[in-house]
N, C-alpha and C. Protein backbone atom coordinates (compact mmCIF):
# COMPACT_ATOMS: atom_id res chain seq x y z
N MET A 1 -3.50 1.22 18.27
CA MET A 1 -3.46 2.23 17.24
C MET A 1 -3.41 1.61 15.85
N LEU A 2 -2.59 0.61 15.64
CA LEU A 2 -2.47 0.00 14.32
C LEU A 2 -3.08 -1.40 14.31
N ARG A 3 -4.17 -1.58 15.06
CA ARG A 3 -4.81 -2.89 15.10
C ARG A 3 -5.24 -3.35 13.71
N TRP A 4 -5.74 -2.42 12.89
CA TRP A 4 -6.19 -2.78 11.53
C TRP A 4 -5.03 -3.36 10.72
N PHE A 5 -3.82 -2.79 10.91
CA PHE A 5 -2.65 -3.25 10.17
C PHE A 5 -2.29 -4.67 10.59
N LYS A 6 -2.35 -4.92 11.90
CA LYS A 6 -2.06 -6.26 12.41
C LYS A 6 -3.08 -7.27 11.89
N ARG A 7 -4.38 -6.86 11.86
CA ARG A 7 -5.42 -7.77 11.37
C ARG A 7 -5.19 -8.14 9.92
N ILE A 8 -4.80 -7.17 9.12
CA ILE A 8 -4.58 -7.44 7.70
C ILE A 8 -3.38 -8.35 7.52
N LEU A 9 -2.31 -8.11 8.29
CA LEU A 9 -1.10 -8.89 8.11
C LEU A 9 -1.14 -10.25 8.78
N PHE A 10 -1.77 -10.35 9.94
CA PHE A 10 -1.64 -11.57 10.73
C PHE A 10 -2.92 -12.39 10.84
N SER A 11 -4.00 -11.95 10.24
CA SER A 11 -5.22 -12.75 10.30
C SER A 11 -5.64 -13.14 8.90
N HIS A 12 -6.59 -13.99 8.81
CA HIS A 12 -7.14 -14.43 7.54
C HIS A 12 -6.07 -15.02 6.62
N ARG A 13 -5.11 -15.69 7.19
CA ARG A 13 -4.07 -16.31 6.37
C ARG A 13 -4.59 -17.62 5.79
N SER A 14 -4.07 -17.93 4.63
CA SER A 14 -4.43 -19.18 3.99
C SER A 14 -3.92 -20.34 4.85
N LEU A 15 -4.74 -21.36 4.99
CA LEU A 15 -4.31 -22.54 5.75
C LEU A 15 -3.28 -23.33 4.97
N ASN A 16 -3.22 -23.13 3.65
CA ASN A 16 -2.31 -23.89 2.80
C ASN A 16 -1.02 -23.15 2.51
N LEU A 17 -0.73 -22.10 3.24
CA LEU A 17 0.47 -21.32 2.99
C LEU A 17 1.70 -22.18 3.25
N PRO A 18 2.62 -22.23 2.28
CA PRO A 18 3.84 -23.04 2.47
C PRO A 18 4.66 -22.53 3.65
N LYS A 19 5.49 -23.41 4.19
CA LYS A 19 6.31 -23.07 5.36
C LYS A 19 7.65 -22.45 4.96
N GLU A 20 8.22 -22.85 3.84
CA GLU A 20 9.50 -22.32 3.39
C GLU A 20 9.33 -20.95 2.76
N ARG A 21 10.27 -20.04 3.03
CA ARG A 21 10.18 -18.66 2.53
C ARG A 21 10.11 -18.62 1.00
N SER A 22 10.93 -19.38 0.30
CA SER A 22 10.91 -19.33 -1.17
C SER A 22 9.58 -19.85 -1.71
N ALA A 23 9.04 -20.88 -1.08
CA ALA A 23 7.74 -21.41 -1.50
C ALA A 23 6.63 -20.41 -1.20
N GLN A 24 6.76 -19.69 -0.07
CA GLN A 24 5.78 -18.64 0.26
C GLN A 24 5.83 -17.54 -0.79
N ASN A 25 7.04 -17.13 -1.20
CA ASN A 25 7.18 -16.10 -2.22
C ASN A 25 6.55 -16.53 -3.54
N ASP A 26 6.75 -17.79 -3.92
CA ASP A 26 6.15 -18.32 -5.15
C ASP A 26 4.63 -18.30 -5.05
N TRP A 27 4.10 -18.71 -3.88
CA TRP A 27 2.65 -18.71 -3.67
C TRP A 27 2.09 -17.29 -3.77
N ILE A 28 2.79 -16.33 -3.15
CA ILE A 28 2.34 -14.94 -3.17
C ILE A 28 2.34 -14.40 -4.59
N LYS A 29 3.40 -14.67 -5.37
CA LYS A 29 3.47 -14.20 -6.75
C LYS A 29 2.32 -14.77 -7.58
N LYS A 30 2.06 -16.05 -7.41
CA LYS A 30 0.96 -16.70 -8.16
C LYS A 30 -0.39 -16.09 -7.75
N THR A 31 -0.59 -15.91 -6.47
CA THR A 31 -1.84 -15.34 -5.97
C THR A 31 -1.99 -13.89 -6.43
N ASN A 32 -0.91 -13.11 -6.33
CA ASN A 32 -0.95 -11.73 -6.80
C ASN A 32 -1.30 -11.65 -8.28
N ARG A 33 -0.76 -12.57 -9.06
CA ARG A 33 -1.03 -12.58 -10.50
C ARG A 33 -2.52 -12.80 -10.77
N SER A 34 -3.17 -13.69 -10.01
CA SER A 34 -4.60 -13.92 -10.23
C SER A 34 -5.41 -12.71 -9.78
N TRP A 35 -5.01 -12.07 -8.66
CA TRP A 35 -5.69 -10.86 -8.22
C TRP A 35 -5.53 -9.75 -9.26
N GLN A 36 -4.32 -9.61 -9.77
CA GLN A 36 -4.04 -8.58 -10.76
C GLN A 36 -4.92 -8.76 -12.00
N ALA A 37 -5.03 -9.97 -12.50
CA ALA A 37 -5.86 -10.24 -13.68
C ALA A 37 -7.32 -9.93 -13.39
N ARG A 38 -7.80 -10.29 -12.21
CA ARG A 38 -9.20 -10.02 -11.85
C ARG A 38 -9.45 -8.52 -11.73
N TRP A 39 -8.51 -7.79 -11.14
CA TRP A 39 -8.66 -6.33 -11.05
C TRP A 39 -8.79 -5.73 -12.45
N HIS A 40 -7.99 -6.22 -13.39
CA HIS A 40 -8.10 -5.71 -14.77
C HIS A 40 -9.48 -6.00 -15.33
N ASP A 41 -10.01 -7.18 -15.06
CA ASP A 41 -11.37 -7.50 -15.53
C ASP A 41 -12.38 -6.52 -14.93
N LEU A 42 -12.23 -6.23 -13.65
CA LEU A 42 -13.14 -5.29 -12.99
C LEU A 42 -12.98 -3.87 -13.53
N PHE A 43 -11.75 -3.47 -13.80
CA PHE A 43 -11.50 -2.15 -14.38
C PHE A 43 -12.12 -2.05 -15.78
N ASP A 44 -12.06 -3.15 -16.54
CA ASP A 44 -12.64 -3.16 -17.89
C ASP A 44 -14.14 -2.88 -17.86
N ALA A 45 -14.80 -3.27 -16.76
CA ALA A 45 -16.25 -3.11 -16.64
C ALA A 45 -16.65 -1.82 -15.91
N ASP A 46 -15.68 -1.04 -15.44
CA ASP A 46 -15.98 0.18 -14.68
C ASP A 46 -16.32 1.32 -15.64
N CYS A 47 -17.54 1.82 -15.55
CA CYS A 47 -18.00 2.86 -16.49
C CYS A 47 -17.18 4.14 -16.40
N ASP A 48 -16.74 4.53 -15.20
CA ASP A 48 -15.95 5.76 -15.05
C ASP A 48 -14.58 5.62 -15.73
N LEU A 49 -13.94 4.47 -15.55
CA LEU A 49 -12.62 4.27 -16.15
C LEU A 49 -12.71 4.16 -17.67
N VAL A 50 -13.73 3.45 -18.15
CA VAL A 50 -13.91 3.31 -19.60
C VAL A 50 -14.19 4.68 -20.21
N ALA A 51 -15.06 5.47 -19.57
CA ALA A 51 -15.44 6.79 -20.11
C ALA A 51 -14.25 7.75 -20.14
N SER A 52 -13.33 7.62 -19.19
CA SER A 52 -12.19 8.55 -19.16
C SER A 52 -11.23 8.31 -20.32
N GLY A 53 -11.18 7.07 -20.82
CA GLY A 53 -10.28 6.74 -21.91
C GLY A 53 -8.81 6.72 -21.53
N GLU A 54 -8.51 6.92 -20.27
CA GLU A 54 -7.11 6.99 -19.81
C GLU A 54 -6.58 5.66 -19.27
N PHE A 55 -7.46 4.72 -19.05
CA PHE A 55 -7.05 3.52 -18.33
C PHE A 55 -7.35 2.26 -19.14
N ASP A 56 -6.85 2.21 -20.37
CA ASP A 56 -7.04 1.03 -21.19
C ASP A 56 -6.19 -0.12 -20.66
N ARG A 57 -6.68 -1.31 -20.87
CA ARG A 57 -5.98 -2.51 -20.40
C ARG A 57 -4.67 -2.68 -21.16
N PRO A 58 -3.55 -2.81 -20.43
CA PRO A 58 -2.27 -3.00 -21.13
C PRO A 58 -2.16 -4.42 -21.69
N THR A 59 -1.50 -4.53 -22.82
CA THR A 59 -1.26 -5.85 -23.41
C THR A 59 0.23 -5.95 -23.70
N PRO A 60 0.91 -6.89 -23.09
CA PRO A 60 0.43 -7.80 -22.05
C PRO A 60 0.32 -7.10 -20.70
N ILE A 61 -0.34 -7.78 -19.79
CA ILE A 61 -0.42 -7.26 -18.41
C ILE A 61 0.98 -7.30 -17.82
N PRO A 62 1.43 -6.21 -17.20
CA PRO A 62 2.79 -6.20 -16.63
C PRO A 62 3.02 -7.39 -15.70
N GLY A 63 4.20 -7.97 -15.81
CA GLY A 63 4.53 -9.12 -14.98
C GLY A 63 4.70 -8.76 -13.52
N ASP A 64 5.07 -7.54 -13.24
CA ASP A 64 5.26 -7.08 -11.88
C ASP A 64 4.14 -6.09 -11.55
N VAL A 65 3.33 -6.41 -10.56
CA VAL A 65 2.20 -5.54 -10.21
C VAL A 65 2.67 -4.15 -9.80
N ASP A 66 3.89 -4.03 -9.32
CA ASP A 66 4.44 -2.72 -8.96
C ASP A 66 4.60 -1.81 -10.18
N CYS A 67 4.59 -2.38 -11.37
CA CYS A 67 4.73 -1.61 -12.61
C CYS A 67 3.41 -1.55 -13.38
N ASP A 68 2.34 -1.99 -12.77
CA ASP A 68 1.03 -2.00 -13.43
C ASP A 68 0.35 -0.66 -13.16
N TYR A 69 0.68 0.33 -13.97
CA TYR A 69 0.23 1.70 -13.72
C TYR A 69 -1.27 1.86 -13.88
N ARG A 70 -1.90 1.03 -14.66
CA ARG A 70 -3.36 1.11 -14.77
C ARG A 70 -4.00 0.85 -13.42
N LEU A 71 -3.51 -0.16 -12.70
CA LEU A 71 -4.07 -0.47 -11.39
C LEU A 71 -3.67 0.58 -10.37
N ILE A 72 -2.42 1.00 -10.41
CA ILE A 72 -1.92 1.96 -9.42
C ILE A 72 -2.67 3.28 -9.52
N PHE A 73 -2.79 3.82 -10.73
CA PHE A 73 -3.38 5.15 -10.88
C PHE A 73 -4.89 5.10 -11.13
N GLY A 74 -5.40 3.97 -11.57
CA GLY A 74 -6.83 3.86 -11.85
C GLY A 74 -7.68 3.59 -10.63
N LEU A 75 -7.08 3.05 -9.58
CA LEU A 75 -7.87 2.65 -8.41
C LEU A 75 -8.64 3.82 -7.81
N THR A 76 -8.01 4.96 -7.68
CA THR A 76 -8.71 6.09 -7.08
C THR A 76 -9.75 6.69 -8.02
N ARG A 77 -9.64 6.43 -9.32
CA ARG A 77 -10.60 6.96 -10.29
C ARG A 77 -11.75 6.00 -10.56
N ALA A 78 -11.60 4.75 -10.12
CA ALA A 78 -12.66 3.75 -10.30
C ALA A 78 -13.83 4.08 -9.38
N THR A 79 -14.99 3.48 -9.67
CA THR A 79 -16.15 3.68 -8.80
C THR A 79 -15.93 2.94 -7.49
N SER A 80 -16.64 3.37 -6.47
CA SER A 80 -16.55 2.71 -5.17
C SER A 80 -16.95 1.24 -5.28
N LYS A 81 -17.93 0.94 -6.11
CA LYS A 81 -18.37 -0.45 -6.30
C LYS A 81 -17.23 -1.30 -6.88
N THR A 82 -16.51 -0.76 -7.86
CA THR A 82 -15.38 -1.50 -8.43
C THR A 82 -14.31 -1.72 -7.38
N ARG A 83 -14.00 -0.67 -6.61
CA ARG A 83 -12.99 -0.82 -5.56
C ARG A 83 -13.43 -1.87 -4.54
N GLN A 84 -14.71 -1.88 -4.20
CA GLN A 84 -15.22 -2.87 -3.25
C GLN A 84 -15.01 -4.28 -3.80
N GLU A 85 -15.29 -4.48 -5.07
CA GLU A 85 -15.09 -5.80 -5.68
C GLU A 85 -13.61 -6.16 -5.76
N CYS A 86 -12.76 -5.18 -6.01
CA CYS A 86 -11.32 -5.43 -6.04
C CYS A 86 -10.81 -5.88 -4.67
N PHE A 87 -11.14 -5.12 -3.64
CA PHE A 87 -10.66 -5.45 -2.30
C PHE A 87 -11.28 -6.74 -1.77
N ALA A 88 -12.46 -7.10 -2.24
CA ALA A 88 -13.11 -8.34 -1.78
C ALA A 88 -12.27 -9.57 -2.10
N LEU A 89 -11.35 -9.46 -3.03
CA LEU A 89 -10.49 -10.59 -3.39
C LEU A 89 -9.42 -10.88 -2.34
N PHE A 90 -9.13 -9.89 -1.47
CA PHE A 90 -8.05 -10.02 -0.50
C PHE A 90 -8.55 -10.54 0.84
N PRO A 91 -7.63 -11.18 1.60
CA PRO A 91 -7.97 -11.47 2.99
C PRO A 91 -8.25 -10.13 3.69
N ALA A 92 -9.25 -10.08 4.51
CA ALA A 92 -9.66 -8.85 5.21
C ALA A 92 -10.05 -7.76 4.22
N GLY A 93 -10.51 -8.16 3.04
CA GLY A 93 -10.87 -7.23 1.99
C GLY A 93 -11.90 -6.18 2.38
N PRO A 94 -13.00 -6.55 3.04
CA PRO A 94 -13.97 -5.52 3.42
C PRO A 94 -13.37 -4.46 4.33
N ASP A 95 -12.49 -4.86 5.24
CA ASP A 95 -11.84 -3.90 6.13
C ASP A 95 -10.89 -3.01 5.32
N MET A 96 -10.15 -3.60 4.39
CA MET A 96 -9.26 -2.82 3.55
C MET A 96 -10.06 -1.81 2.72
N HIS A 97 -11.19 -2.25 2.16
CA HIS A 97 -12.02 -1.35 1.34
C HIS A 97 -12.55 -0.20 2.18
N ARG A 98 -13.05 -0.49 3.35
CA ARG A 98 -13.58 0.56 4.23
C ARG A 98 -12.49 1.59 4.54
N ARG A 99 -11.30 1.12 4.88
CA ARG A 99 -10.21 2.03 5.22
C ARG A 99 -9.79 2.84 4.01
N PHE A 100 -9.79 2.23 2.83
CA PHE A 100 -9.40 2.96 1.62
C PHE A 100 -10.42 4.05 1.30
N GLU A 101 -11.70 3.72 1.42
CA GLU A 101 -12.74 4.72 1.18
C GLU A 101 -12.66 5.84 2.21
N ASP A 102 -12.40 5.49 3.46
CA ASP A 102 -12.22 6.51 4.50
C ASP A 102 -11.06 7.44 4.14
N PHE A 103 -9.98 6.83 3.66
CA PHE A 103 -8.81 7.61 3.26
C PHE A 103 -9.16 8.57 2.13
N LEU A 104 -9.86 8.10 1.12
CA LEU A 104 -10.21 8.95 -0.02
C LEU A 104 -11.10 10.13 0.39
N LEU A 105 -11.94 9.91 1.40
CA LEU A 105 -12.86 10.96 1.83
C LEU A 105 -12.27 11.89 2.88
N SER A 106 -11.14 11.50 3.45
CA SER A 106 -10.57 12.28 4.56
C SER A 106 -9.69 13.42 4.05
N LYS A 107 -9.51 14.36 4.92
CA LYS A 107 -8.59 15.48 4.67
C LYS A 107 -7.38 15.26 5.58
N PRO A 108 -6.19 15.60 5.09
CA PRO A 108 -5.00 15.45 5.94
C PRO A 108 -5.14 16.27 7.22
N ALA A 109 -4.67 15.71 8.31
CA ALA A 109 -4.74 16.40 9.60
C ALA A 109 -3.35 16.41 10.23
N ALA A 110 -3.02 17.51 10.84
CA ALA A 110 -1.73 17.63 11.52
C ALA A 110 -1.71 16.73 12.75
N ILE A 111 -0.53 16.18 13.05
CA ILE A 111 -0.33 15.42 14.27
C ILE A 111 0.91 15.99 14.95
N SER A 112 1.05 15.70 16.22
CA SER A 112 2.21 16.20 16.96
C SER A 112 3.45 15.40 16.57
N GLU A 113 4.60 15.98 16.83
CA GLU A 113 5.85 15.28 16.55
C GLU A 113 5.95 14.01 17.38
N ALA A 114 5.49 14.06 18.63
CA ALA A 114 5.52 12.88 19.50
C ALA A 114 4.64 11.77 18.91
N GLU A 115 3.45 12.11 18.42
CA GLU A 115 2.56 11.12 17.81
C GLU A 115 3.19 10.55 16.55
N ALA A 116 3.80 11.40 15.73
CA ALA A 116 4.45 10.93 14.51
C ALA A 116 5.57 9.95 14.83
N ASN A 117 6.38 10.28 15.84
CA ASN A 117 7.47 9.38 16.24
C ASN A 117 6.93 8.08 16.82
N ALA A 118 5.85 8.14 17.58
CA ALA A 118 5.24 6.92 18.13
C ALA A 118 4.72 6.03 17.00
N ARG A 119 4.08 6.63 16.02
CA ARG A 119 3.58 5.84 14.88
C ARG A 119 4.74 5.21 14.11
N LEU A 120 5.79 5.97 13.88
CA LEU A 120 6.95 5.45 13.18
C LEU A 120 7.54 4.27 13.94
N THR A 121 7.68 4.39 15.24
CA THR A 121 8.21 3.30 16.07
C THR A 121 7.34 2.05 15.95
N ASN A 122 6.01 2.22 15.99
CA ASN A 122 5.10 1.08 15.87
C ASN A 122 5.19 0.42 14.50
N ILE A 123 5.31 1.21 13.45
CA ILE A 123 5.42 0.65 12.10
C ILE A 123 6.71 -0.15 11.97
N ILE A 124 7.81 0.39 12.46
CA ILE A 124 9.08 -0.33 12.40
C ILE A 124 8.99 -1.64 13.18
N ALA A 125 8.36 -1.61 14.36
CA ALA A 125 8.20 -2.84 15.16
C ALA A 125 7.38 -3.88 14.40
N LEU A 126 6.32 -3.46 13.73
CA LEU A 126 5.52 -4.41 12.95
C LEU A 126 6.33 -5.01 11.80
N ILE A 127 7.08 -4.18 11.10
CA ILE A 127 7.90 -4.68 10.00
C ILE A 127 8.92 -5.67 10.52
N GLU A 128 9.56 -5.35 11.64
CA GLU A 128 10.55 -6.27 12.20
C GLU A 128 9.90 -7.56 12.68
N ALA A 129 8.66 -7.49 13.18
CA ALA A 129 7.95 -8.69 13.62
C ALA A 129 7.62 -9.60 12.43
N ILE A 130 7.36 -9.00 11.29
CA ILE A 130 7.07 -9.78 10.08
C ILE A 130 8.31 -10.51 9.62
N GLY A 131 9.45 -9.88 9.75
CA GLY A 131 10.70 -10.49 9.33
C GLY A 131 10.93 -10.33 7.84
N PRO A 132 11.43 -9.16 7.42
CA PRO A 132 11.68 -8.94 5.99
C PRO A 132 12.63 -9.98 5.41
N ASN A 133 12.58 -10.15 4.09
CA ASN A 133 13.46 -11.11 3.41
C ASN A 133 14.92 -10.68 3.47
N GLU A 134 15.17 -9.40 3.67
CA GLU A 134 16.52 -8.86 3.71
C GLU A 134 16.75 -8.15 5.04
N ASP A 135 18.03 -8.00 5.38
CA ASP A 135 18.35 -7.19 6.56
C ASP A 135 18.01 -5.74 6.23
N VAL A 136 17.32 -5.08 7.14
CA VAL A 136 16.92 -3.69 6.93
C VAL A 136 17.44 -2.87 8.09
N ASP A 137 18.09 -1.76 7.75
CA ASP A 137 18.60 -0.84 8.75
C ASP A 137 17.62 0.31 8.88
N PHE A 138 16.93 0.38 10.00
CA PHE A 138 15.93 1.43 10.23
C PHE A 138 16.53 2.65 10.93
N SER A 139 17.85 2.70 11.05
CA SER A 139 18.46 3.82 11.77
C SER A 139 18.25 5.16 11.06
N ASN A 140 17.98 5.15 9.77
CA ASN A 140 17.74 6.39 9.02
C ASN A 140 16.29 6.85 9.09
N ALA A 141 15.43 6.04 9.62
CA ALA A 141 14.01 6.39 9.67
C ALA A 141 13.79 7.53 10.65
N ARG A 142 13.09 8.55 10.18
CA ARG A 142 12.83 9.68 11.05
C ARG A 142 11.60 10.43 10.56
N VAL A 143 11.13 11.33 11.38
CA VAL A 143 9.95 12.14 11.08
C VAL A 143 10.42 13.46 10.48
N VAL A 144 9.73 13.90 9.43
CA VAL A 144 10.04 15.17 8.78
C VAL A 144 8.75 15.96 8.66
N ASP A 145 8.81 17.23 8.99
CA ASP A 145 7.65 18.11 8.86
C ASP A 145 7.66 18.71 7.46
N CYS A 146 6.78 18.25 6.59
CA CYS A 146 6.80 18.69 5.20
C CYS A 146 6.26 20.10 5.02
N ALA A 147 5.75 20.71 6.07
CA ALA A 147 5.25 22.08 5.99
C ALA A 147 6.37 23.10 6.15
N THR A 148 7.58 22.63 6.44
CA THR A 148 8.71 23.55 6.61
C THR A 148 9.62 23.46 5.40
N GLU A 149 10.43 24.50 5.22
CA GLU A 149 11.40 24.51 4.11
C GLU A 149 12.40 23.36 4.26
N GLU A 150 12.85 23.14 5.50
CA GLU A 150 13.78 22.04 5.76
C GLU A 150 13.14 20.70 5.41
N GLY A 151 11.88 20.52 5.80
CA GLY A 151 11.18 19.28 5.50
C GLY A 151 11.02 19.06 4.01
N GLN A 152 10.67 20.12 3.27
CA GLN A 152 10.55 20.01 1.82
C GLN A 152 11.89 19.65 1.18
N SER A 153 12.96 20.23 1.71
CA SER A 153 14.29 19.92 1.20
C SER A 153 14.62 18.45 1.44
N GLU A 154 14.33 17.95 2.63
CA GLU A 154 14.57 16.53 2.94
C GLU A 154 13.78 15.63 2.00
N LEU A 155 12.51 15.96 1.81
CA LEU A 155 11.66 15.12 0.95
C LEU A 155 12.15 15.13 -0.49
N SER A 156 12.66 16.25 -0.96
CA SER A 156 13.12 16.32 -2.34
C SER A 156 14.42 15.56 -2.55
N ASN A 157 15.11 15.24 -1.49
CA ASN A 157 16.39 14.52 -1.59
C ASN A 157 16.28 13.04 -1.22
N THR A 158 15.09 12.51 -1.09
CA THR A 158 14.95 11.11 -0.68
C THR A 158 15.29 10.19 -1.84
N ASP A 159 15.87 9.09 -1.49
CA ASP A 159 16.12 8.01 -2.45
C ASP A 159 16.41 6.75 -1.66
N ASP A 160 16.69 5.67 -2.35
CA ASP A 160 16.92 4.39 -1.68
C ASP A 160 18.40 4.15 -1.38
N ARG A 161 19.28 5.05 -1.78
CA ARG A 161 20.71 4.82 -1.58
C ARG A 161 21.10 4.83 -0.12
N GLY A 162 20.40 5.61 0.69
CA GLY A 162 20.77 5.73 2.09
C GLY A 162 20.03 4.76 2.99
N GLY A 163 19.31 3.81 2.43
CA GLY A 163 18.53 2.88 3.23
C GLY A 163 17.09 3.36 3.35
N PRO A 164 16.26 2.60 4.03
CA PRO A 164 14.84 2.96 4.10
C PRO A 164 14.61 4.21 4.93
N ARG A 165 13.68 5.00 4.47
CA ARG A 165 13.28 6.19 5.21
C ARG A 165 11.76 6.23 5.23
N PHE A 166 11.22 6.56 6.35
CA PHE A 166 9.78 6.67 6.49
C PHE A 166 9.48 8.11 6.84
N TRP A 167 8.69 8.75 6.02
CA TRP A 167 8.40 10.17 6.21
C TRP A 167 6.99 10.32 6.75
N THR A 168 6.87 10.92 7.86
CA THR A 168 5.57 11.18 8.46
C THR A 168 5.42 12.68 8.59
N SER A 169 4.34 13.18 8.05
CA SER A 169 4.12 14.62 8.06
C SER A 169 3.54 15.09 9.37
N LEU A 170 4.03 16.19 9.88
CA LEU A 170 3.44 16.80 11.05
C LEU A 170 2.29 17.72 10.62
N GLN A 171 2.36 18.23 9.42
CA GLN A 171 1.33 19.11 8.87
C GLN A 171 0.83 18.49 7.57
N PRO A 172 -0.40 18.77 7.19
CA PRO A 172 -0.87 18.28 5.89
C PRO A 172 0.00 18.84 4.77
N CYS A 173 0.39 17.99 3.86
CA CYS A 173 1.23 18.41 2.72
C CYS A 173 0.38 18.75 1.53
């Protein structure tokens, strides 16, 4: 079911990846920084983003890619060609691009509660197999149906104080 996720995480790894966790983190930060700069170059040349006037290049480029709102919000507004060039920079990039385009073109579909729980269990197993940098308590992870009043209430009260939570919709939200 999640073969694509395993391929992205466990294949196409750099042969020069350091063995120590701190050295791996440094390598990842350096590599992410070069990808981030290249994405900005690609966004600068994207006619749709330039024409919208909403996605000007920030100066300086945010040090943390998680705070780079131009990339976060501009990706879905960029042309498919720009997205293809962006994803081509990553290991398994063509597969990531195909899946992202499929996602953009798809409509949400309802799944059964059993399927949602099975997916959640598989995702947690993959995360645990990767070995997060910190101890993570997945006991709070559960499935919530966002099409119900109770589900909407749960979603509106989510935060990081209670530990990680993974929300899987039974109905399209």
